C-alpha atoms as a PDB file:
ATOM      1  CA  MET A   1     100.119  46.025 -62.552  1.00  0.00           C
ATOM      2  CA  LYS A   2     101.202  49.529 -63.287  1.00  0.00           C
ATOM      3  CA  ILE A   3     100.383  49.015 -66.902  1.00  0.00           C
ATOM      4  CA  ILE A   4      96.973  47.790 -66.226  1.00  0.00           C
ATOM      5  CA  ILE A   5      96.377  50.726 -64.026  1.00  0.00           C
ATOM      6  CA  SER A   6      97.489  53.267 -66.549  1.00  0.00           C
ATOM      7  CA  ALA A   7      95.119  51.975 -69.006  1.00  0.00           C
ATOM      8  CA  LEU A   8      92.150  51.473 -66.591  1.00  0.00           C
ATOM      9  CA  LEU A   9      92.778  55.340 -65.693  1.00  0.00           C
ATOM     10  CA  ILE A  10      92.853  55.937 -69.629  1.00  0.00           C
ATOM     11  CA  LEU A  11      89.504  54.181 -70.170  1.00  0.00           C
ATOM     12  CA  ILE A  12      88.010  55.697 -66.800  1.00  0.00           C
ATOM     13  CA  SER A  13      88.766  59.213 -67.983  1.00  0.00           C
ATOM     14  CA  THR A  14      86.726  58.891 -71.071  1.00  0.00           C
ATOM     15  CA  THR A  15      83.651  57.973 -69.358  1.00  0.00           C
ATOM     16  CA  VAL A  16      83.577  60.853 -66.670  1.00  0.00           C
ATOM     17  CA  ASP A  17      83.253  64.893 -67.418  1.00  0.00           C
ATOM     18  CA  ALA A  18      85.411  66.483 -65.121  1.00  0.00           C
ATOM     19  CA  SER A  19      82.848  69.150 -64.264  1.00  0.00           C
ATOM     20  CA  SER A  20      80.317  66.536 -62.628  1.00  0.00           C
ATOM     21  CA  PHE A  21      81.263  66.878 -59.021  1.00  0.00           C
ATOM     22  CA  LYS A  22      79.382  70.338 -58.049  1.00  0.00           C
ATOM     23  CA  ALA A  23      80.291  72.018 -54.473  1.00  0.00           C
ATOM     24  CA  LEU A  24      78.023  71.606 -51.721  1.00  0.00           C
ATOM     25  CA  GLU A  25      77.592  74.626 -49.413  1.00  0.00           C
ATOM     26  CA  LEU A  26      77.387  73.672 -45.432  1.00  0.00           C
ATOM     27  CA  PRO A  27      76.646  76.280 -42.459  1.00  0.00           C
ATOM     28  CA  LYS A  28      79.376  76.615 -40.172  1.00  0.00           C
ATOM     29  CA  SER A  29      80.122  73.591 -37.778  1.00  0.00           C
ATOM     30  CA  GLN A  30      79.461  72.782 -34.374  1.00  0.00           C
ATOM     31  CA  PHE A  31      82.364  70.132 -34.419  1.00  0.00           C
ATOM     32  CA  LEU A  32      84.920  71.898 -36.660  1.00  0.00           C
ATOM     33  CA  THR A  33      86.736  75.044 -36.937  1.00  0.00           C
ATOM     34  CA  GLU A  34      87.776  74.576 -40.473  1.00  0.00           C
ATOM     35  CA  LEU A  35      85.426  72.717 -42.677  1.00  0.00           C
ATOM     36  CA  PRO A  36      86.601  70.297 -45.330  1.00  0.00           C
ATOM     37  CA  THR A  37      85.846  71.140 -48.928  1.00  0.00           C
ATOM     38  CA  ILE A  38      82.137  69.042 -49.904  1.00  0.00           C
ATOM     39  CA  THR A  39      81.340  68.307 -53.685  1.00  0.00           C
ATOM     40  CA  ILE A  40      78.806  65.804 -54.777  1.00  0.00           C
ATOM     41  CA  ALA A  41      78.849  63.682 -58.123  1.00  0.00           C
ATOM     42  CA  LEU A  42      75.064  62.610 -59.037  1.00  0.00           C
ATOM     43  CA  PRO A  43      74.347  59.425 -60.796  1.00  0.00           C
ATOM     44  CA  SER A  44      73.574  59.829 -64.702  1.00  0.00           C
ATOM     45  CA  SER A  45      69.655  58.339 -64.101  1.00  0.00           C
ATOM     46  CA  TYR A  46      69.383  60.720 -61.021  1.00  0.00           C
ATOM     47  CA  ALA A  47      67.592  63.505 -63.078  1.00  0.00           C
ATOM     48  CA  ALA A  48      65.401  61.385 -65.480  1.00  0.00           C
ATOM     49  CA  ASP A  49      64.263  59.152 -62.593  1.00  0.00           C
ATOM     50  CA  THR A  50      62.801  60.687 -60.018  1.00  0.00           C
ATOM     51  CA  THR A  51      61.660  58.106 -58.250  1.00  0.00           C
ATOM     52  CA  LYS A  52      64.627  56.280 -57.434  1.00  0.00           C
ATOM     53  CA  ALA A  53      66.844  56.477 -54.271  1.00  0.00           C
ATOM     54  CA  TYR A  54      70.537  55.927 -54.221  1.00  0.00           C
ATOM     55  CA  PRO A  55      73.292  54.785 -51.570  1.00  0.00           C
ATOM     56  CA  VAL A  56      75.793  57.157 -50.968  1.00  0.00           C
ATOM     57  CA  LEU A  57      79.563  56.892 -51.095  1.00  0.00           C
ATOM     58  CA  TYR A  58      81.266  59.449 -48.660  1.00  0.00           C
ATOM     59  CA  LEU A  59      85.011  59.723 -50.410  1.00  0.00           C
ATOM     60  CA  LEU A  60      87.858  61.158 -48.329  1.00  0.00           C
ATOM     61  CA  ASP A  61      90.037  63.201 -50.102  1.00  0.00           C
ATOM     62  CA  GLY A  62      87.457  64.059 -52.827  1.00  0.00           C
ATOM     63  CA  GLU A  63      89.279  66.371 -54.611  1.00  0.00           C
ATOM     64  CA  LEU A  64      92.332  64.025 -55.521  1.00  0.00           C
ATOM     65  CA  ASN A  65      90.140  60.562 -55.903  1.00  0.00           C
ATOM     66  CA  GLY A  66      86.946  61.737 -56.962  1.00  0.00           C
ATOM     67  CA  GLU A  67      87.194  61.202 -60.945  1.00  0.00           C
ATOM     68  CA  LEU A  68      88.998  58.099 -60.325  1.00  0.00           C
ATOM     69  CA  VAL A  69      86.023  56.491 -58.191  1.00  0.00           C
ATOM     70  CA  GLU A  70      83.143  57.913 -60.093  1.00  0.00           C
ATOM     71  CA  GLY A  71      84.574  56.507 -63.508  1.00  0.00           C
ATOM     72  CA  MET A  72      85.244  53.055 -62.303  1.00  0.00           C
ATOM     73  CA  LEU A  73      81.583  53.083 -60.465  1.00  0.00           C
ATOM     74  CA  THR A  74      80.496  54.643 -64.130  1.00  0.00           C
ATOM     75  CA  ARG A  75      82.060  52.068 -66.133  1.00  0.00           C
ATOM     76  CA  LEU A  76      81.119  48.967 -63.479  1.00  0.00           C
ATOM     77  CA  ASN A  77      77.332  50.174 -63.819  1.00  0.00           C
ATOM     78  CA  LEU A  78      77.063  50.285 -67.217  1.00  0.00           C
ATOM     79  CA  SER A  79      78.435  46.744 -67.190  1.00  0.00           C
ATOM     80  CA  ASN A  80      75.820  45.638 -64.673  1.00  0.00           C
ATOM     81  CA  GLY A  81      78.657  45.160 -62.048  1.00  0.00           C
ATOM     82  CA  ALA A  82      78.070  48.301 -59.587  1.00  0.00           C
ATOM     83  CA  ASN A  83      75.076  50.154 -58.465  1.00  0.00           C
ATOM     84  CA  GLU A  84      74.816  53.767 -59.182  1.00  0.00           C
ATOM     85  CA  HIS A  85      76.208  55.924 -56.214  1.00  0.00           C
ATOM     86  CA  ILE A  86      75.957  59.629 -55.177  1.00  0.00           C
ATOM     87  CA  ILE A  87      79.692  60.417 -54.421  1.00  0.00           C
ATOM     88  CA  VAL A  88      80.082  62.861 -51.692  1.00  0.00           C
ATOM     89  CA  GLY A  89      83.766  64.097 -51.730  1.00  0.00           C
ATOM     90  CA  ILE A  90      85.395  65.438 -48.520  1.00  0.00           C
ATOM     91  CA  THR A  91      88.428  67.190 -48.924  1.00  0.00           C
ATOM     92  CA  SER A  92      90.201  68.011 -45.712  1.00  0.00           C
ATOM     93  CA  ARG A  93      93.068  71.356 -45.460  1.00  0.00           C
ATOM     94  CA  ASP A  94      94.572  69.380 -42.940  1.00  0.00           C
ATOM     95  CA  ARG A  95      94.412  65.394 -43.169  1.00  0.00           C
ATOM     96  CA  LEU A  96      96.820  64.154 -40.220  1.00  0.00           C
ATOM     97  CA  ARG A  97      94.738  66.628 -38.115  1.00  0.00           C
ATOM     98  CA  ASP A  98      91.159  65.720 -39.335  1.00  0.00           C
ATOM     99  CA  PHE A  99      91.857  61.875 -40.028  1.00  0.00           C
ATOM    100  CA  ALA A 100      94.012  60.399 -37.581  1.00  0.00           C
ATOM    101  CA  PRO A 101      91.880  59.715 -34.322  1.00  0.00           C
ATOM    102  CA  THR A 102      94.872  59.800 -32.058  1.00  0.00           C
ATOM    103  CA  ILE A 103      97.651  62.021 -31.112  1.00  0.00           C
ATOM    104  CA  ASN A 104     100.828  60.781 -32.429  1.00  0.00           C
ATOM    105  CA  LYS A 105     103.734  60.451 -29.645  1.00  0.00           C
ATOM    106  CA  ASP A 106     106.169  58.238 -31.516  1.00  0.00           C
ATOM    107  CA  PRO A 107     109.343  60.221 -32.472  1.00  0.00           C
ATOM    108  CA  ARG A 108     109.519  58.566 -35.632  1.00  0.00           C
ATOM    109  CA  GLY A 109     106.458  60.416 -36.853  1.00  0.00           C
ATOM    110  CA  PRO A 110     105.059  64.024 -36.635  1.00  0.00           C
ATOM    111  CA  VAL A 111     104.959  64.060 -32.885  1.00  0.00           C
ATOM    112  CA  GLY A 112     101.337  66.119 -31.604  1.00  0.00           C
ATOM    113  CA  ALA A 113      99.488  65.479 -35.145  1.00  0.00           C
ATOM    114  CA  GLY A 114      96.191  63.907 -35.263  1.00  0.00           C
ATOM    115  CA  GLY A 115      93.635  63.593 -32.580  1.00  0.00           C
ATOM    116  CA  GLY A 116      90.694  65.337 -34.599  1.00  0.00           C
ATOM    117  CA  GLY A 117      89.073  62.022 -36.280  1.00  0.00           C
ATOM    118  CA  ASP A 118      86.274  61.794 -33.825  1.00  0.00           C
ATOM    119  CA  LYS A 119      85.419  65.080 -34.112  1.00  0.00           C
ATOM    120  CA  PHE A 120      85.542  64.932 -37.913  1.00  0.00           C
ATOM    121  CA  LEU A 121      83.159  61.532 -37.838  1.00  0.00           C
ATOM    122  CA  ASP A 122      80.935  63.896 -35.673  1.00  0.00           C
ATOM    123  CA  PHE A 123      80.611  66.400 -38.493  1.00  0.00           C
ATOM    124  CA  ILE A 124      80.105  63.757 -41.044  1.00  0.00           C
ATOM    125  CA  GLU A 125      77.443  61.741 -39.008  1.00  0.00           C
ATOM    126  CA  LYS A 126      75.755  64.598 -37.316  1.00  0.00           C
ATOM    127  CA  GLU A 127      76.099  67.499 -39.996  1.00  0.00           C
ATOM    128  CA  LEU A 128      76.744  66.497 -43.683  1.00  0.00           C
ATOM    129  CA  ILE A 129      75.108  62.881 -43.609  1.00  0.00           C
ATOM    130  CA  PRO A 130      71.776  64.724 -42.486  1.00  0.00           C
ATOM    131  CA  GLN A 131      72.054  67.455 -44.708  1.00  0.00           C
ATOM    132  CA  VAL A 132      72.864  64.820 -47.991  1.00  0.00           C
ATOM    133  CA  ASN A 133      69.634  63.140 -46.938  1.00  0.00           C
ATOM    134  CA  LYS A 134      67.817  66.584 -46.685  1.00  0.00           C
ATOM    135  CA  THR A 135      68.966  67.594 -50.359  1.00  0.00           C
ATOM    136  CA  TYR A 136      69.047  64.339 -52.530  1.00  0.00           C
ATOM    137  CA  ARG A 137      67.255  61.070 -52.707  1.00  0.00           C
ATOM    138  CA  THR A 138      69.239  58.562 -50.734  1.00  0.00           C
ATOM    139  CA  ASN A 139      68.602  55.052 -49.603  1.00  0.00           C
ATOM    140  CA  ARG A 140      70.472  55.563 -46.515  1.00  0.00           C
ATOM    141  CA  PHE A 141      73.136  52.676 -47.554  1.00  0.00           C
ATOM    142  CA  ASN A 142      76.224  54.728 -46.691  1.00  0.00           C
ATOM    143  CA  VAL A 143      79.719  53.772 -47.494  1.00  0.00           C
ATOM    144  CA  VAL A 144      83.064  55.249 -46.729  1.00  0.00           C
ATOM    145  CA  ALA A 145      86.215  55.048 -48.511  1.00  0.00           C
ATOM    146  CA  GLY A 146      89.965  56.367 -48.161  1.00  0.00           C
ATOM    147  CA  HIS A 147      93.367  55.727 -48.505  1.00  0.00           C
ATOM    148  CA  SER A 148      96.306  56.021 -46.283  1.00  0.00           C
ATOM    149  CA  ILE A 149      95.525  57.986 -43.272  1.00  0.00           C
ATOM    150  CA  ALA A 150      92.272  58.521 -44.429  1.00  0.00           C
ATOM    151  CA  GLY A 151      91.928  54.768 -44.579  1.00  0.00           C
ATOM    152  CA  LEU A 152      92.916  54.811 -40.792  1.00  0.00           C
ATOM    153  CA  LEU A 153      89.616  57.116 -40.256  1.00  0.00           C
ATOM    154  CA  VAL A 154      87.819  54.302 -42.244  1.00  0.00           C
ATOM    155  CA  ILE A 155      88.826  51.402 -40.210  1.00  0.00           C
ATOM    156  CA  HIS A 156      88.285  53.715 -36.843  1.00  0.00           C
ATOM    157  CA  SER A 157      84.890  54.429 -37.948  1.00  0.00           C
ATOM    158  CA  PHE A 158      84.401  50.663 -38.692  1.00  0.00           C
ATOM    159  CA  GLN A 159      85.329  49.675 -35.245  1.00  0.00           C
ATOM    160  CA  SER A 160      84.077  52.527 -33.170  1.00  0.00           C
ATOM    161  CA  ARG A 161      80.870  53.453 -34.974  1.00  0.00           C
ATOM    162  CA  PRO A 162      79.532  50.452 -36.888  1.00  0.00           C
ATOM    163  CA  GLN A 163      76.128  51.714 -37.726  1.00  0.00           C
ATOM    164  CA  LEU A 164      77.241  54.668 -39.334  1.00  0.00           C
ATOM    165  CA  PHE A 165      78.445  53.120 -42.356  1.00  0.00           C
ATOM    166  CA  GLN A 166      77.318  49.961 -44.005  1.00  0.00           C
ATOM    167  CA  GLY A 167      80.682  49.814 -46.251  1.00  0.00           C
ATOM    168  CA  HIS A 168      84.052  50.445 -45.265  1.00  0.00           C
ATOM    169  CA  LEU A 169      86.919  50.737 -48.397  1.00  0.00           C
ATOM    170  CA  ALA A 170      90.614  51.206 -46.587  1.00  0.00           C
ATOM    171  CA  PHE A 171      93.176  51.518 -49.135  1.00  0.00           C
ATOM    172  CA  SER A 172      96.658  51.012 -47.589  1.00  0.00           C
ATOM    173  CA  PRO A 173      95.235  52.084 -44.116  1.00  0.00           C
ATOM    174  CA  ALA A 174      98.002  53.643 -41.998  1.00  0.00           C
ATOM    175  CA  VAL A 175      97.082  51.149 -39.023  1.00  0.00           C
ATOM    176  CA  TRP A 176     100.886  51.688 -37.560  1.00  0.00           C
ATOM    177  CA  TRP A 177      99.638  55.397 -36.396  1.00  0.00           C
ATOM    178  CA  GLY A 178     100.632  56.347 -33.083  1.00  0.00           C
ATOM    179  CA  ALA A 179     100.535  53.640 -30.695  1.00  0.00           C
ATOM    180  CA  ARG A 180      98.776  51.575 -32.950  1.00  0.00           C
ATOM    181  CA  GLU A 181      95.486  52.478 -31.104  1.00  0.00           C
ATOM    182  CA  THR A 182      93.178  51.907 -34.024  1.00  0.00           C
ATOM    183  CA  ALA A 183      94.508  48.693 -34.762  1.00  0.00           C
ATOM    184  CA  LYS A 184      94.136  47.401 -31.296  1.00  0.00           C
ATOM    185  CA  ALA A 185      90.569  48.710 -31.078  1.00  0.00           C
ATOM    186  CA  THR A 186      89.790  47.004 -33.979  1.00  0.00           C
ATOM    187  CA  GLN A 187      91.468  43.628 -33.160  1.00  0.00           C
ATOM    188  CA  LYS A 188      89.297  43.959 -29.762  1.00  0.00           C
ATOM    189  CA  TYR A 189      86.010  44.618 -32.024  1.00  0.00           C
ATOM    190  CA  ILE A 190      86.447  41.842 -34.082  1.00  0.00           C
ATOM    191  CA  THR A 191      87.285  39.232 -31.246  1.00  0.00           C
ATOM    192  CA  SER A 192      84.408  40.384 -29.182  1.00  0.00           C
ATOM    193  CA  LYS A 193      82.013  37.710 -31.269  1.00  0.00           C
ATOM    194  CA  GLN A 194      79.474  40.299 -31.480  1.00  0.00           C
ATOM    195  CA  PRO A 195      77.374  40.456 -34.841  1.00  0.00           C
ATOM    196  CA  ILE A 196      79.027  42.787 -37.550  1.00  0.00           C
ATOM    197  CA  LYS A 197      76.816  43.249 -40.443  1.00  0.00           C
ATOM    198  CA  ASN A 198      79.012  45.126 -42.729  1.00  0.00           C
ATOM    199  CA  TYR A 199      81.250  45.082 -45.738  1.00  0.00           C
ATOM    200  CA  LEU A 200      84.846  45.921 -45.308  1.00  0.00           C
ATOM    201  CA  TYR A 201      87.676  46.122 -47.861  1.00  0.00           C
ATOM    202  CA  MET A 202      91.145  46.551 -47.078  1.00  0.00           C
ATOM    203  CA  ASN A 203      94.305  46.238 -49.250  1.00  0.00           C
ATOM    204  CA  ILE A 204      98.281  47.139 -49.100  1.00  0.00           C
ATOM    205  CA  GLY A 205     100.734  47.476 -51.581  1.00  0.00           C
ATOM    206  CA  SER A 206     104.601  47.235 -51.414  1.00  0.00           C
ATOM    207  CA  GLU A 207     104.892  49.091 -47.885  1.00  0.00           C
ATOM    208  CA  GLY A 208     107.502  47.103 -45.552  1.00  0.00           C
ATOM    209  CA  GLY A 209     108.873  47.612 -42.328  1.00  0.00           C
ATOM    210  CA  GLU A 210     106.340  48.138 -39.310  1.00  0.00           C
ATOM    211  CA  MET A 211     103.480  49.609 -41.602  1.00  0.00           C
ATOM    212  CA  ARG A 212     103.099  46.067 -43.348  1.00  0.00           C
ATOM    213  CA  GLU A 213     103.725  44.359 -39.867  1.00  0.00           C
ATOM    214  CA  VAL A 214     101.022  46.253 -38.111  1.00  0.00           C
ATOM    215  CA  TYR A 215      98.526  45.547 -41.524  1.00  0.00           C
ATOM    216  CA  ASP A 216      99.110  41.895 -41.376  1.00  0.00           C
ATOM    217  CA  SER A 217      98.753  41.165 -37.606  1.00  0.00           C
ATOM    218  CA  LEU A 218      95.306  43.296 -38.071  1.00  0.00           C
ATOM    219  CA  SER A 219      94.073  41.739 -41.599  1.00  0.00           C
ATOM    220  CA  GLN A 220      95.050  38.342 -40.043  1.00  0.00           C
ATOM    221  CA  THR A 221      93.038  38.920 -36.923  1.00  0.00           C
ATOM    222  CA  ILE A 222      89.914  39.869 -38.803  1.00  0.00           C
ATOM    223  CA  GLN A 223      90.382  36.816 -41.041  1.00  0.00           C
ATOM    224  CA  ARG A 224      90.597  34.160 -37.981  1.00  0.00           C
ATOM    225  CA  ASN A 225      87.812  35.901 -36.172  1.00  0.00           C
ATOM    226  CA  ARG A 226      85.327  37.173 -38.694  1.00  0.00           C
ATOM    227  CA  ASN A 227      81.551  36.278 -38.153  1.00  0.00           C
ATOM    228  CA  LEU A 228      79.293  35.482 -41.016  1.00  0.00           C
ATOM    229  CA  ASP A 229      77.657  38.824 -41.214  1.00  0.00           C
ATOM    230  CA  LEU A 230      80.689  40.296 -42.134  1.00  0.00           C
ATOM    231  CA  GLU A 231      81.704  40.408 -45.826  1.00  0.00           C
ATOM    232  CA  LEU A 232      85.571  40.730 -46.177  1.00  0.00           C
ATOM    233  CA  ARG A 233      87.440  41.532 -48.977  1.00  0.00           C
ATOM    234  CA  LEU A 234      91.404  41.779 -48.819  1.00  0.00           C
ATOM    235  CA  ASN A 235      94.143  42.118 -51.472  1.00  0.00           C
ATOM    236  CA  GLU A 236      97.647  42.328 -51.416  1.00  0.00           C
ATOM    237  CA  PHE A 237      99.348  44.382 -54.311  1.00  0.00           C
ATOM    238  CA  ASN A 238     103.068  43.197 -53.418  1.00  0.00           C
ATOM    239  CA  ASP A 239     104.518  45.001 -56.632  1.00  0.00           C
ATOM    240  CA  ASP A 240     102.799  48.034 -56.230  1.00  0.00           C
ATOM    241  CA  PRO A 241     103.748  51.191 -54.151  1.00  0.00           C
ATOM    242  CA  HIS A 242     101.883  53.120 -51.819  1.00  0.00           C
ATOM    243  CA  ASP A 243     100.269  55.791 -53.725  1.00  0.00           C
ATOM    244  CA  PHE A 244      99.180  53.138 -56.059  1.00  0.00           C
ATOM    245  CA  THR A 245      96.945  51.109 -54.295  1.00  0.00           C
ATOM    246  CA  MET A 246      93.635  52.913 -54.377  1.00  0.00           C
ATOM    247  CA  ALA A 247      93.712  52.591 -58.363  1.00  0.00           C
ATOM    248  CA  ALA A 248      94.908  48.923 -57.792  1.00  0.00           C
ATOM    249  CA  GLY A 249      92.247  47.925 -55.443  1.00  0.00           C
ATOM    250  CA  LEU A 250      89.086  50.064 -56.752  1.00  0.00           C
ATOM    251  CA  PHE A 251      87.566  47.228 -58.879  1.00  0.00           C
ATOM    252  CA  ASN A 252      88.018  44.448 -56.402  1.00  0.00           C
ATOM    253  CA  ALA A 253      86.265  46.707 -53.593  1.00  0.00           C
ATOM    254  CA  LEU A 254      83.452  48.458 -55.713  1.00  0.00           C
ATOM    255  CA  SER A 255      82.678  44.634 -57.192  1.00  0.00           C
ATOM    256  CA  GLY A 256      82.758  42.980 -53.744  1.00  0.00           C
ATOM    257  CA  LEU A 257      80.365  45.951 -52.716  1.00  0.00           C
ATOM    258  CA  TYR A 258      78.007  45.176 -55.294  1.00  0.00           C
ATOM    259  CA  GLN A 259      77.855  41.589 -54.459  1.00  0.00           C
ATOM    260  CA  TYR A 260      77.028  42.663 -50.763  1.00  0.00           C
ATOM    261  CA  GLN A 261      74.360  45.011 -51.671  1.00  0.00           C
ATOM    262  CA  GLN A 262      73.101  42.312 -53.955  1.00  0.00           C
ATOM    263  CA  GLN A 263      72.846  39.769 -51.326  1.00  0.00           C
ATOM    264  CA  HIS A 264      71.245  42.052 -48.842  1.00  0.00           C
ATOM    265  CA  GLY A 265      68.646  43.427 -51.096  1.00  0.00           C
ATOM    266  CA  MET A 266      70.413  46.936 -51.644  1.00  0.00           C
END
């Protein structure tokens, strides 16, 4: 798998101009005291086709993962395997503070860290998304993607604000965080039997111990109880470490997203 990932990254790097992401300036936030860095990458057809509106992929840790995601989307689109997306990169200056929805009290982790996840989602929902919709031609189909602690925020958004994003991509989500509040809330949401019209992708790598146990429990609950409105894709990359799971799963995540968009006329 590592050889495949390396070859994939080389292929993607030939299709993407590193300067394609441009900064988006936002006014002072009423929700955050420290604004994240926001960057925008527009599809190649954006300037030429002025009548077309695009879905938007909100990518947490955008500075780290932006070129990888844009390259994969570009390559898939060239092969009729993905829709073009506007990509909004969101890079926090304090990931634990902004992405973890609850404060950790477990002595095995950074005690007192986290707790700002809902304020960060407030910023995205009430300030960032409206600004993006105002500035660019969007079709109001929004996707959020994140890895590790950013993946935890993706899962938290999935269960706490199910109408905010129509697609959720969580790579090795840190659902073990704190007192497992997000995992428990998601299990409760899934078993509530209410319609869940959404696309959810999750994966895990060679992580072991409690991280794997909590993830497996969550993924099994979702598989057993999901309703027909939820399109679910899961991957296990048992030979690949935590840091590789986004690269390993991105093709499957975006391919499944495209199929979901096609099925729903998006």
